[in-house]
Amino acid sequence: MAEVKAELVGNLWKIVTKVGQQVEEDDTLMILESMKMEIPITSPLAGTVKEIRVKEGDVVQEGQTVAIVE
């Protein structure tokens, strides 16, 4: 199991995956918008998305857990 964390503060622009979806290592799970740049949040491992802890439009903090991949 891996906690997926935001690397910086930003607005959660788009969630690309769904709970239960199979993902590969480095697949994009969601996209943050910060300083007019789009920053992908990727899966640290291959597995299944077990939980998404944020919703589109949320402001996320650096180090905040945004998803769980197992």
C-alpha atoms as a PDB file:
ATOM      1  CA  MET A   1       0.000   0.000   0.000  1.00  0.00           C
ATOM      2  CA  ALA A   2       1.225   3.500  -0.792  1.00  0.00           C
ATOM      3  CA  GLU A   3      -0.009   6.907   0.224  1.00  0.00           C
ATOM      4  CA  VAL A   4       0.130   9.295  -2.720  1.00  0.00           C
ATOM      5  CA  LYS A   5       1.101  12.765  -1.527  1.00  0.00           C
ATOM      6  CA  ALA A   6       1.010  16.199  -3.141  1.00  0.00           C
ATOM      7  CA  GLU A   7       4.499  17.541  -3.771  1.00  0.00           C
ATOM      8  CA  LEU A   8       3.435  21.181  -3.512  1.00  0.00           C
ATOM      9  CA  VAL A   9       0.554  23.504  -2.671  1.00  0.00           C
ATOM     10  CA  GLY A  10      -1.975  23.932  -5.464  1.00  0.00           C
ATOM     11  CA  ASN A  11      -5.552  23.614  -6.653  1.00  0.00           C
ATOM     12  CA  LEU A  12      -6.679  20.140  -7.602  1.00  0.00           C
ATOM     13  CA  TRP A  13      -7.639  20.776 -11.205  1.00  0.00           C
ATOM     14  CA  LYS A  14      -8.639  17.319 -12.434  1.00  0.00           C
ATOM     15  CA  ILE A  15      -8.932  13.750 -11.131  1.00  0.00           C
ATOM     16  CA  VAL A  16      -8.010  11.345 -13.913  1.00  0.00           C
ATOM     17  CA  THR A  17      -8.631   7.997 -12.163  1.00  0.00           C
ATOM     18  CA  LYS A  18     -11.454   6.373 -10.200  1.00  0.00           C
ATOM     19  CA  VAL A  19     -11.536   4.225  -7.079  1.00  0.00           C
ATOM     20  CA  GLY A  20     -11.090   0.591  -8.110  1.00  0.00           C
ATOM     21  CA  GLN A  21      -9.135   1.460 -11.253  1.00  0.00           C
ATOM     22  CA  GLN A  22      -5.959  -0.476 -12.052  1.00  0.00           C
ATOM     23  CA  VAL A  23      -2.920   1.779 -12.548  1.00  0.00           C
ATOM     24  CA  GLU A  24       0.690   1.255 -13.498  1.00  0.00           C
ATOM     25  CA  GLU A  25       3.697   2.871 -11.837  1.00  0.00           C
ATOM     26  CA  ASP A  26       3.975   6.539 -12.913  1.00  0.00           C
ATOM     27  CA  ASP A  27       0.401   6.681 -14.299  1.00  0.00           C
ATOM     28  CA  THR A  28      -1.170  10.109 -13.718  1.00  0.00           C
ATOM     29  CA  LEU A  29      -3.825   9.978 -10.985  1.00  0.00           C
ATOM     30  CA  MET A  30      -4.715  13.674 -10.828  1.00  0.00           C
ATOM     31  CA  ILE A  31      -3.477  17.067 -11.949  1.00  0.00           C
ATOM     32  CA  LEU A  32      -2.640  20.028  -9.724  1.00  0.00           C
ATOM     33  CA  GLU A  33      -2.642  23.617 -10.943  1.00  0.00           C
ATOM     34  CA  SER A  34      -0.065  25.864  -9.329  1.00  0.00           C
ATOM     35  CA  MET A  35       1.196  29.205 -10.622  1.00  0.00           C
ATOM     36  CA  LYS A  36      -0.582  28.547 -13.950  1.00  0.00           C
ATOM     37  CA  MET A  37       1.330  25.287 -14.415  1.00  0.00           C
ATOM     38  CA  GLU A  38      -0.233  21.817 -14.551  1.00  0.00           C
ATOM     39  CA  ILE A  39       1.606  19.337 -12.344  1.00  0.00           C
ATOM     40  CA  PRO A  40       0.681  15.639 -12.549  1.00  0.00           C
ATOM     41  CA  ILE A  41       0.441  13.537  -9.399  1.00  0.00           C
ATOM     42  CA  THR A  42       1.497  10.020 -10.352  1.00  0.00           C
ATOM     43  CA  SER A  43       1.181   6.573  -8.843  1.00  0.00           C
ATOM     44  CA  PRO A  44       4.323   5.404  -7.004  1.00  0.00           C
ATOM     45  CA  LEU A  45       3.544   1.761  -7.856  1.00  0.00           C
ATOM     46  CA  ALA A  46       1.379  -0.504  -9.989  1.00  0.00           C
ATOM     47  CA  GLY A  47      -1.857  -1.502  -8.276  1.00  0.00           C
ATOM     48  CA  THR A  48      -5.454  -0.509  -7.604  1.00  0.00           C
ATOM     49  CA  VAL A  49      -6.694   2.918  -6.520  1.00  0.00           C
ATOM     50  CA  LYS A  50      -8.287   2.169  -3.128  1.00  0.00           C
ATOM     51  CA  GLU A  51      -9.173   5.685  -2.011  1.00  0.00           C
ATOM     52  CA  ILE A  52      -9.229   9.250  -3.308  1.00  0.00           C
ATOM     53  CA  ARG A  53      -9.169  11.726  -0.426  1.00  0.00           C
ATOM     54  CA  VAL A  54      -9.732  14.977  -2.346  1.00  0.00           C
ATOM     55  CA  LYS A  55     -12.156  16.342  -4.908  1.00  0.00           C
ATOM     56  CA  GLU A  56     -11.727  18.596  -7.915  1.00  0.00           C
ATOM     57  CA  GLY A  57     -11.370  22.217  -6.870  1.00  0.00           C
ATOM     58  CA  ASP A  58      -9.818  21.455  -3.471  1.00  0.00           C
ATOM     59  CA  VAL A  59      -6.701  23.309  -2.378  1.00  0.00           C
ATOM     60  CA  VAL A  60      -4.098  20.735  -1.358  1.00  0.00           C
ATOM     61  CA  GLN A  61      -1.083  21.300   0.844  1.00  0.00           C
ATOM     62  CA  GLU A  62       2.455  20.054   0.325  1.00  0.00           C
ATOM     63  CA  GLY A  63       2.727  16.547   1.779  1.00  0.00           C
ATOM     64  CA  GLN A  64      -1.046  16.032   1.985  1.00  0.00           C
ATOM     65  CA  THR A  65      -2.205  12.485   1.216  1.00  0.00           C
ATOM     66  CA  VAL A  66      -4.477  12.689  -1.822  1.00  0.00           C
ATOM     67  CA  ALA A  67      -4.934   8.998  -2.673  1.00  0.00           C
ATOM     68  CA  ILE A  68      -4.154   5.429  -1.614  1.00  0.00           C
ATOM     69  CA  VAL A  69      -2.857   2.852  -4.117  1.00  0.00           C
ATOM     70  CA  GLU A  70      -2.579  -0.799  -3.128  1.00  0.00           C
END
